[in-house]
Amino acid sequence: MNRLVAILLFSTVAASAQPPQEQRKAPANPAAPPAASQPRAGAAAPAVSAPAPAPSVADLKFPPLRPVEIPPVATFTLANGMKVFLLEDHELPMISGSALVRTGNLFDPRDKIGLAEIMGRVMRTGGTKAKTGEQWNQELEKVAALVESSIGETSGSVTFQALKENLDPVLAIFRDVLTAPEFRQTDLDLAKMEERSGIARRNDDADGIADREFANIIYGKSTPYGWQEEYAGIAAITRADLLQFHQRYYFPKNAMLAVWGDFDSAAMRAKLEQVFAGWTVEREPVPPFPPVSGTSEPGVHLALKTDVTQTFFAIGQLGGELRDNEYPALEVMAAILGGGFQSRLFQRVRTQMGYAYEIGASWAANYDHPGLFKIAGSTKAVSTVATIQAIMQEVGRIRTEEVSEAELKTAKD
């Protein structure tokens, strides 16, 4: 932890000490019943029995945990190349499904950041050539069903949920959203307006500024992990861009489909073969996601926001990946440092010093790129320096001193 980066978002105006207001006496309630009369002189006071002792946690008894039984999952590949997973669950007469596509906003062009996210939204709202998204809404509402789409950092998804008796029409809409979205211009314009509105409001949340800028600084501007949407990029996105993005990444061999619910696996397999028989698009394999190449130098970065009276901070560095051998130990370390009410940071900075409004630490890891090790929270503006000093002392102490057996057990539990 010798490459820490800190970002502070604070106000130049410290909150002035306010004198405590005089406690106001509550007005009498004329509707309240009269107070109980005092016992007469010489009358015996009623006997009061002692409360029963509360049971100890050590006295609680629990049955042994049952073994985890993994249900059988049917796995196969459709004729068009899409891999399918089927899980029967006959508890309720419902069927759900989710198609996962290997794409994400990491593939956004540098000058059109936000393209993938907007495309994932308009896939559903933009309808198809035959029906609009609003017509889909009406059909789905009639049968209490859902079909949704989205794209995140490293995957796109289209999901559905329906009663067993209504599966066929819902599955047809699900297929059309996945394979043949129309991306109507009016729905694209609405999505772009919503994105611009989000950009306009993103500095209203002071805590969000610290988190956003911390990630951008750590990952750097050379890879999409450190990019963020701007007005110019959103304005440059066209319907042709959405069509091109969909054509590049949405094809059968780049998708996996999971379906679970009240069905017979053999019958469901035959149904899916029929539903997706016409989706035979072939494309070149999707390339790997860009690597994290950020090399941020240690330093302190300040963001000034004059309409707050407290400091929001984030301190840390690149984390690791889930495949790292040290990942479990680092998770436990972060829990000891700032993982809850018993953590070192909470006990010292919040409980003992009374400075931080909130504070915590986490060691985040991802599947295919490093996450972020981060200590974050907020404190009084006048206590910023003392809070940061205390945090750095605790970071130094966990690097140089062995943790106690009690701390280790609590964190592992």
Protein backbone atom coordinates (compact mmCIF):
# COMPACT_ATOMS: atom_id res chain seq x y z
CA MET A 1 0.00 0.00 0.00
CA ASN A 2 2.79 2.42 -0.88
CA ARG A 3 1.05 3.95 -3.90
CA LEU A 4 -2.02 5.43 -2.28
CA VAL A 5 -4.05 8.08 -4.04
CA ALA A 6 -6.41 10.32 -2.10
CA ILE A 7 -9.20 12.52 -3.35
CA LEU A 8 -10.95 14.99 -1.09
CA LEU A 9 -14.14 16.88 -1.83
CA PHE A 10 -14.72 19.62 0.69
CA SER A 11 -16.09 23.09 1.42
CA THR A 12 -13.95 26.09 2.23
CA VAL A 13 -16.56 27.16 4.78
CA ALA A 14 -16.48 25.14 7.97
CA ALA A 15 -19.75 24.73 9.76
CA SER A 16 -19.78 27.20 12.63
CA ALA A 17 -20.60 25.94 16.06
CA GLN A 18 -24.22 26.55 16.88
CA PRO A 19 -25.34 27.12 20.46
CA PRO A 20 -27.73 24.47 21.64
CA GLN A 21 -31.30 25.57 21.53
CA GLU A 22 -33.17 25.75 24.79
CA GLN A 23 -35.27 22.73 25.32
CA ARG A 24 -38.89 23.69 24.85
CA LYS A 25 -41.43 22.46 27.29
CA ALA A 26 -44.09 20.39 25.58
CA PRO A 27 -47.54 21.95 25.83
CA ALA A 28 -50.02 20.21 28.01
CA ASN A 29 -52.39 17.91 26.20
CA PRO A 30 -55.93 18.59 27.39
CA ALA A 31 -57.06 15.26 25.97
CA ALA A 32 -54.51 13.27 27.97
CA PRO A 33 -55.83 11.24 30.91
CA PRO A 34 -55.08 12.55 34.42
CA ALA A 35 -51.93 11.29 36.07
CA ALA A 36 -52.35 8.32 38.37
CA SER A 37 -53.01 9.37 41.94
CA GLN A 38 -50.37 8.72 44.59
CA PRO A 39 -51.07 5.85 47.02
CA ARG A 40 -52.59 6.89 50.32
CA ALA A 41 -50.33 7.17 53.32
CA GLY A 42 -49.86 3.83 54.98
CA ALA A 43 -51.05 1.82 51.99
CA ALA A 44 -48.81 -1.05 50.97
CA ALA A 45 -46.96 -0.60 47.69
CA PRO A 46 -47.79 -3.23 45.07
CA ALA A 47 -45.22 -5.99 44.78
CA VAL A 48 -43.00 -5.82 41.70
CA SER A 49 -41.43 -9.05 40.48
CA ALA A 50 -37.85 -8.99 39.20
CA PRO A 51 -37.54 -9.31 35.42
CA ALA A 52 -36.44 -12.68 34.12
CA PRO A 53 -32.81 -12.74 32.97
CA ALA A 54 -32.34 -12.43 29.24
CA PRO A 55 -31.12 -15.61 27.55
CA SER A 56 -27.49 -15.72 26.53
CA VAL A 57 -26.44 -16.05 22.93
CA ALA A 58 -24.39 -19.06 23.97
CA ASP A 59 -27.62 -20.84 24.99
CA LEU A 60 -29.11 -20.67 21.48
CA LYS A 61 -29.21 -24.03 19.73
CA PHE A 62 -29.36 -24.51 15.98
CA PRO A 63 -29.83 -27.67 13.94
CA PRO A 64 -26.92 -28.72 11.73
CA LEU A 65 -26.85 -27.18 8.26
CA ARG A 66 -28.23 -29.34 5.52
CA PRO A 67 -25.86 -30.25 2.68
CA VAL A 68 -26.11 -28.02 -0.38
CA GLU A 69 -27.66 -29.97 -3.24
CA ILE A 70 -26.91 -28.57 -6.68
CA PRO A 71 -29.97 -29.09 -8.88
CA PRO A 72 -29.41 -30.78 -12.24
CA VAL A 73 -28.89 -28.29 -15.07
CA ALA A 74 -29.35 -29.39 -18.67
CA THR A 75 -26.64 -27.86 -20.86
CA PHE A 76 -26.55 -27.96 -24.65
CA THR A 77 -25.89 -25.85 -27.74
CA LEU A 78 -28.57 -24.88 -30.24
CA ALA A 79 -28.07 -25.49 -33.93
CA ASN A 80 -27.20 -21.80 -34.40
CA GLY A 81 -24.35 -21.98 -31.87
CA MET A 82 -25.98 -20.41 -28.77
CA LYS A 83 -25.23 -22.23 -25.52
CA VAL A 84 -28.27 -22.96 -23.34
CA PHE A 85 -28.75 -23.88 -19.67
CA LEU A 86 -32.10 -25.26 -18.46
CA LEU A 87 -33.16 -25.64 -14.82
CA GLU A 88 -36.56 -27.10 -13.96
CA ASP A 89 -38.31 -25.59 -10.94
CA HIS A 90 -41.94 -26.66 -10.50
CA GLU A 91 -42.68 -24.77 -7.30
CA LEU A 92 -44.54 -21.97 -9.13
CA PRO A 93 -46.18 -21.89 -12.59
CA MET A 94 -43.64 -19.36 -13.88
CA ILE A 95 -40.78 -19.39 -16.39
CA SER A 96 -37.88 -16.92 -16.50
CA GLY A 97 -34.92 -16.53 -18.80
CA SER A 98 -31.82 -14.46 -19.34
CA ALA A 99 -29.55 -14.12 -22.35
CA LEU A 100 -26.02 -12.97 -21.56
CA VAL A 101 -23.98 -11.44 -24.38
CA ARG A 102 -20.23 -10.82 -24.28
CA THR A 103 -20.12 -7.07 -24.85
CA GLY A 104 -20.08 -3.98 -22.67
CA ASN A 105 -19.34 -0.29 -22.38
CA LEU A 106 -15.63 -1.13 -22.43
CA PHE A 107 -16.11 -1.38 -26.20
CA ASP A 108 -17.47 2.18 -26.46
CA PRO A 109 -15.65 4.35 -29.00
CA ARG A 110 -13.54 7.01 -27.28
CA ASP A 111 -15.59 9.83 -28.83
CA LYS A 112 -18.99 8.21 -28.12
CA ILE A 113 -18.86 7.13 -24.48
CA GLY A 114 -22.33 5.98 -23.43
CA LEU A 115 -23.12 4.19 -26.70
CA ALA A 116 -23.39 0.70 -25.19
CA GLU A 117 -25.56 1.78 -22.28
CA ILE A 118 -27.95 3.68 -24.54
CA MET A 119 -28.11 0.78 -26.98
CA GLY A 120 -28.95 -1.64 -24.18
CA ARG A 121 -31.86 0.57 -23.18
CA VAL A 122 -33.25 1.32 -26.65
CA MET A 123 -33.12 -2.37 -27.60
CA ARG A 124 -36.23 -2.72 -25.44
CA THR A 125 -37.90 0.68 -25.81
CA GLY A 126 -37.34 1.00 -29.57
CA GLY A 127 -39.46 -2.00 -30.58
CA THR A 128 -39.12 -3.85 -33.89
CA LYS A 129 -40.20 -3.09 -37.45
CA ALA A 130 -43.60 -4.66 -36.74
CA LYS A 131 -44.32 -3.20 -33.28
CA THR A 132 -43.23 -0.26 -31.18
CA GLY A 133 -41.91 -0.53 -27.67
CA GLU A 134 -45.19 0.93 -26.41
CA GLN A 135 -47.14 -1.83 -28.15
CA TRP A 136 -44.84 -4.36 -26.47
CA ASN A 137 -45.63 -2.70 -23.14
CA GLN A 138 -49.34 -3.14 -23.67
CA GLU A 139 -49.00 -6.80 -24.64
CA LEU A 140 -46.80 -7.60 -21.65
CA GLU A 141 -49.02 -5.75 -19.20
CA LYS A 142 -52.05 -7.79 -20.30
CA VAL A 143 -50.32 -11.03 -19.24
CA ALA A 144 -48.32 -9.66 -16.24
CA ALA A 145 -44.98 -10.41 -17.94
CA LEU A 146 -41.62 -8.67 -18.18
CA VAL A 147 -38.98 -8.30 -20.90
CA GLU A 148 -36.00 -6.02 -20.19
CA SER A 149 -32.60 -5.27 -21.71
CA SER A 150 -29.41 -3.56 -20.54
CA ILE A 151 -25.64 -3.37 -21.09
CA GLY A 152 -23.07 -2.99 -18.32
CA GLU A 153 -19.29 -2.86 -18.22
CA THR A 154 -18.54 -6.37 -19.52
CA SER A 155 -21.87 -7.91 -20.51
CA GLY A 156 -25.22 -7.24 -22.10
CA SER A 157 -28.41 -8.96 -21.02
CA VAL A 158 -31.98 -9.49 -22.16
CA THR A 159 -34.34 -11.07 -19.62
CA PHE A 160 -37.94 -12.26 -19.48
CA GLN A 161 -40.43 -13.50 -16.90
CA ALA A 162 -43.88 -14.93 -17.62
CA LEU A 163 -46.58 -17.23 -16.34
CA LYS A 164 -46.23 -20.69 -17.82
CA GLU A 165 -49.47 -20.34 -19.77
CA ASN A 166 -48.25 -17.13 -21.46
CA LEU A 167 -44.75 -18.28 -22.38
CA ASP A 168 -45.11 -18.37 -26.19
CA PRO A 169 -46.02 -14.70 -26.86
CA VAL A 170 -43.53 -13.46 -24.23
CA LEU A 171 -40.76 -15.65 -25.65
CA ALA A 172 -41.45 -14.19 -29.10
CA ILE A 173 -40.99 -10.63 -27.79
CA PHE A 174 -37.84 -11.72 -25.94
CA ARG A 175 -36.40 -13.14 -29.17
CA ASP A 176 -37.20 -9.97 -31.12
CA VAL A 177 -35.58 -7.73 -28.50
CA LEU A 178 -32.46 -9.89 -28.59
CA THR A 179 -32.16 -10.47 -32.32
CA ALA A 180 -33.98 -7.72 -34.27
CA PRO A 181 -34.39 -4.41 -32.39
CA GLU A 182 -35.44 -1.44 -34.52
CA PHE A 183 -33.84 1.40 -32.48
CA ARG A 184 -36.46 3.96 -33.45
CA GLN A 185 -35.09 7.51 -33.58
CA THR A 186 -37.70 8.91 -31.18
CA ASP A 187 -36.72 6.38 -28.50
CA LEU A 188 -33.02 7.06 -29.10
CA ASP A 189 -33.63 10.80 -28.70
CA LEU A 190 -35.44 10.17 -25.41
CA ALA A 191 -32.58 8.00 -24.10
CA LYS A 192 -30.01 10.65 -25.05
CA MET A 193 -32.07 13.31 -23.25
CA GLU A 194 -32.13 11.15 -20.12
CA GLU A 195 -28.35 10.69 -20.30
CA ARG A 196 -27.82 14.44 -20.63
CA SER A 197 -30.06 14.97 -17.62
CA GLY A 198 -27.92 12.55 -15.64
CA ILE A 199 -24.75 14.43 -16.61
CA ALA A 200 -26.36 17.72 -15.54
CA ARG A 201 -27.21 16.32 -12.08
CA ARG A 202 -24.16 14.18 -11.34
CA ASN A 203 -22.39 16.88 -9.31
CA ASP A 204 -25.37 17.30 -6.99
CA ASP A 205 -24.23 14.25 -5.01
CA ALA A 206 -21.02 15.22 -3.23
CA ASP A 207 -20.25 11.65 -2.21
CA GLY A 208 -20.71 10.53 -5.82
CA ILE A 209 -18.15 13.07 -7.03
CA ALA A 210 -15.47 11.62 -4.75
CA ASP A 211 -16.22 8.03 -5.83
CA ARG A 212 -16.35 8.91 -9.53
CA GLU A 213 -13.17 10.96 -9.62
CA PHE A 214 -11.29 8.46 -7.47
CA ALA A 215 -11.96 5.66 -9.97
CA ASN A 216 -11.09 7.91 -12.93
CA ILE A 217 -7.77 8.90 -11.35
CA ILE A 218 -6.78 5.36 -10.37
CA TYR A 219 -7.62 3.75 -13.72
CA GLY A 220 -6.47 6.72 -15.75
CA LYS A 221 -7.75 8.15 -19.02
CA SER A 222 -5.88 5.74 -21.28
CA THR A 223 -8.41 2.92 -20.85
CA PRO A 224 -12.24 2.94 -20.76
CA TYR A 225 -12.21 2.05 -17.04
CA GLY A 226 -11.46 5.72 -16.39
CA TRP A 227 -13.83 7.24 -18.94
CA GLN A 228 -17.11 8.99 -18.23
CA GLU A 229 -19.98 10.29 -20.32
CA GLU A 230 -19.95 13.88 -21.53
CA TYR A 231 -22.41 16.00 -23.52
CA ALA A 232 -20.36 15.89 -26.73
CA GLY A 233 -20.11 12.11 -26.75
CA ILE A 234 -23.83 11.63 -26.16
CA ALA A 235 -24.69 14.12 -28.90
CA ALA A 236 -22.50 12.23 -31.40
CA ILE A 237 -24.34 8.90 -30.99
CA THR A 238 -26.58 8.04 -33.96
CA ARG A 239 -29.06 5.30 -34.78
CA ALA A 240 -26.51 3.86 -37.22
CA ASP A 241 -24.08 3.49 -34.31
CA LEU A 242 -26.63 1.44 -32.36
CA LEU A 243 -27.32 -0.80 -35.34
CA GLN A 244 -23.61 -1.33 -35.94
CA PHE A 245 -22.91 -2.09 -32.27
CA HIS A 246 -25.72 -4.63 -32.17
CA GLN A 247 -24.61 -6.30 -35.38
CA ARG A 248 -21.05 -6.64 -34.11
CA TYR A 249 -21.71 -8.19 -30.72
CA TYR A 250 -25.17 -9.79 -30.80
CA PHE A 251 -24.85 -13.12 -32.57
CA PRO A 252 -25.63 -16.68 -31.37
CA LYS A 253 -22.08 -17.88 -30.68
CA ASN A 254 -21.47 -14.79 -28.54
CA ALA A 255 -24.50 -15.41 -26.30
CA MET A 256 -25.56 -17.78 -23.53
CA LEU A 257 -29.20 -18.39 -22.60
CA ALA A 258 -30.42 -19.60 -19.21
CA VAL A 259 -34.08 -20.59 -18.69
CA TRP A 260 -35.53 -21.74 -15.38
CA GLY A 261 -39.00 -22.51 -14.14
CA ASP A 262 -41.98 -24.82 -14.56
CA PHE A 263 -41.29 -26.73 -17.77
CA ASP A 264 -40.08 -30.04 -19.15
CA SER A 265 -36.47 -29.77 -20.34
CA ALA A 266 -36.93 -31.85 -23.48
CA ALA A 267 -39.98 -29.84 -24.53
CA MET A 268 -38.23 -26.56 -23.76
CA ARG A 269 -35.19 -27.54 -25.81
CA ALA A 270 -37.40 -28.26 -28.81
CA LYS A 271 -39.23 -24.94 -28.34
CA LEU A 272 -35.99 -22.93 -28.18
CA GLU A 273 -34.64 -24.64 -31.30
CA GLN A 274 -37.80 -23.56 -33.12
CA VAL A 275 -37.92 -20.00 -31.72
CA PHE A 276 -34.28 -19.22 -32.59
CA ALA A 277 -34.07 -21.23 -35.83
CA GLY A 278 -33.98 -18.04 -37.90
CA TRP A 279 -31.17 -16.38 -35.93
CA THR A 280 -28.11 -17.67 -37.77
CA VAL A 281 -25.86 -14.59 -37.82
CA GLU A 282 -22.12 -15.30 -38.03
CA ARG A 283 -19.46 -12.84 -36.86
CA GLU A 284 -15.75 -12.81 -36.03
CA PRO A 285 -15.01 -13.72 -32.39
CA VAL A 286 -15.25 -10.78 -30.00
CA PRO A 287 -11.78 -9.53 -28.92
CA PRO A 288 -10.63 -9.41 -25.30
CA PHE A 289 -11.66 -6.48 -23.15
CA PRO A 290 -9.04 -3.71 -22.88
CA PRO A 291 -6.50 -4.28 -20.09
CA VAL A 292 -6.09 -1.93 -17.16
CA SER A 293 -2.94 0.04 -17.91
CA GLY A 294 -3.34 2.95 -15.52
CA THR A 295 -0.18 3.97 -13.67
CA SER A 296 -1.43 6.75 -11.43
CA GLU A 297 1.18 8.33 -9.20
CA PRO A 298 0.62 8.76 -5.46
CA GLY A 299 -0.82 12.15 -4.64
CA VAL A 300 -3.64 14.21 -3.25
CA HIS A 301 -6.40 15.53 -5.52
CA LEU A 302 -8.87 18.16 -4.36
CA ALA A 303 -12.35 18.97 -5.62
CA LEU A 304 -13.99 22.12 -4.29
CA LYS A 305 -17.75 22.17 -3.64
CA THR A 306 -18.81 25.23 -1.68
CA ASP A 307 -22.37 24.21 -0.87
CA VAL A 308 -21.43 21.44 1.58
CA THR A 309 -20.07 21.73 5.13
CA GLN A 310 -18.30 18.38 5.29
CA THR A 311 -15.52 16.54 3.50
CA PHE A 312 -16.05 13.39 1.43
CA PHE A 313 -12.87 11.41 0.84
CA ALA A 314 -11.58 8.30 -0.93
CA ILE A 315 -8.08 6.90 -0.39
CA GLY A 316 -6.62 3.82 -2.05
CA GLN A 317 -5.03 2.15 -5.05
CA LEU A 318 -5.63 -0.63 -7.56
CA GLY A 319 -7.01 -3.80 -6.00
CA GLY A 320 -6.70 -7.26 -7.49
CA GLU A 321 -8.47 -9.98 -9.43
CA LEU A 322 -10.50 -12.86 -8.08
CA ARG A 323 -7.90 -15.32 -9.35
CA ASP A 324 -5.18 -13.85 -7.09
CA ASN A 325 -3.95 -16.24 -4.42
CA GLU A 326 -3.89 -13.41 -1.88
CA TYR A 327 -7.47 -12.32 -2.55
CA PRO A 328 -9.08 -14.06 0.49
CA ALA A 329 -6.44 -12.67 2.86
CA LEU A 330 -6.85 -9.17 1.46
CA GLU A 331 -10.62 -9.37 1.90
CA VAL A 332 -10.10 -10.27 5.56
CA MET A 333 -7.54 -7.47 5.91
CA ALA A 334 -10.02 -4.91 4.58
CA ALA A 335 -12.68 -6.20 6.98
CA ILE A 336 -10.32 -5.76 9.95
CA LEU A 337 -9.34 -2.30 8.77
CA GLY A 338 -12.78 -0.91 7.96
CA GLY A 339 -15.39 -3.60 7.44
CA GLY A 340 -17.92 -2.82 10.13
CA PHE A 341 -18.67 -1.46 13.59
CA GLN A 342 -15.82 -3.48 15.14
CA SER A 343 -13.23 -2.46 12.53
CA ARG A 344 -10.20 -0.39 13.45
CA LEU A 345 -11.17 2.65 11.41
CA PHE A 346 -14.71 2.76 12.75
CA GLN A 347 -13.61 2.33 16.34
CA ARG A 348 -10.90 4.97 16.18
CA VAL A 349 -12.16 7.61 13.74
CA ARG A 350 -15.90 7.33 14.42
CA THR A 351 -16.21 6.05 18.01
CA GLN A 352 -13.12 7.36 19.79
CA MET A 353 -12.42 10.58 17.89
CA GLY A 354 -16.02 11.28 16.89
CA TYR A 355 -14.94 12.76 13.55
CA ALA A 356 -16.32 10.65 10.73
CA TYR A 357 -19.98 10.57 9.78
CA GLU A 358 -19.23 7.34 7.94
CA ILE A 359 -16.10 5.36 7.14
CA GLY A 360 -15.23 1.98 5.66
CA ALA A 361 -12.64 0.03 3.71
CA SER A 362 -12.95 -2.58 0.97
CA TRP A 363 -10.65 -4.64 -1.22
CA ALA A 364 -12.56 -5.09 -4.48
CA ALA A 365 -11.59 -7.57 -7.18
CA ASN A 366 -13.03 -8.36 -10.60
CA TYR A 367 -12.92 -11.40 -12.86
CA ASP A 368 -10.79 -9.98 -15.64
CA HIS A 369 -9.24 -6.75 -14.35
CA PRO A 370 -8.12 -5.26 -11.03
CA GLY A 371 -10.71 -3.72 -8.79
CA LEU A 372 -10.07 -0.92 -6.30
CA PHE A 373 -8.79 -0.94 -2.75
CA LYS A 374 -10.60 1.99 -1.17
CA ILE A 375 -11.04 3.67 2.18
CA ALA A 376 -13.94 6.09 1.93
CA GLY A 377 -16.24 8.15 4.09
CA SER A 378 -17.10 11.65 5.20
CA THR A 379 -16.14 13.88 8.10
CA LYS A 380 -16.66 17.37 9.46
CA ALA A 381 -14.89 20.02 7.40
CA VAL A 382 -12.89 21.18 10.42
CA SER A 383 -11.79 17.59 11.16
CA THR A 384 -10.51 16.68 7.71
CA VAL A 385 -6.78 16.76 8.46
CA ALA A 386 -7.08 14.87 11.75
CA THR A 387 -9.30 12.25 10.12
CA ILE A 388 -6.90 11.62 7.23
CA GLN A 389 -3.94 11.44 9.63
CA ALA A 390 -5.73 8.85 11.77
CA ILE A 391 -6.61 6.80 8.68
CA MET A 392 -3.02 6.77 7.46
CA GLN A 393 -1.80 5.74 10.90
CA GLU A 394 -4.16 2.77 10.85
CA VAL A 395 -3.03 1.86 7.32
CA GLY A 396 0.57 1.89 8.57
CA ARG A 397 -0.30 -0.15 11.64
CA ILE A 398 -2.02 -2.94 9.72
CA ARG A 399 1.03 -3.17 7.46
CA THR A 400 3.54 -3.47 10.31
CA GLU A 401 1.74 -5.12 13.25
CA GLU A 402 0.12 -8.52 13.54
CA VAL A 403 -3.62 -8.47 14.04
CA SER A 404 -5.12 -10.04 17.14
CA GLU A 405 -6.79 -13.43 17.13
CA ALA A 406 -10.09 -11.78 18.08
CA GLU A 407 -9.93 -9.35 15.13
CA LEU A 408 -9.02 -12.16 12.76
CA LYS A 409 -11.89 -14.37 13.94
CA THR A 410 -14.44 -11.57 13.73
CA ALA A 411 -13.40 -10.63 10.20
CA LYS A 412 -13.38 -14.24 8.99
CA ASP A 413 -16.77 -14.94 10.57
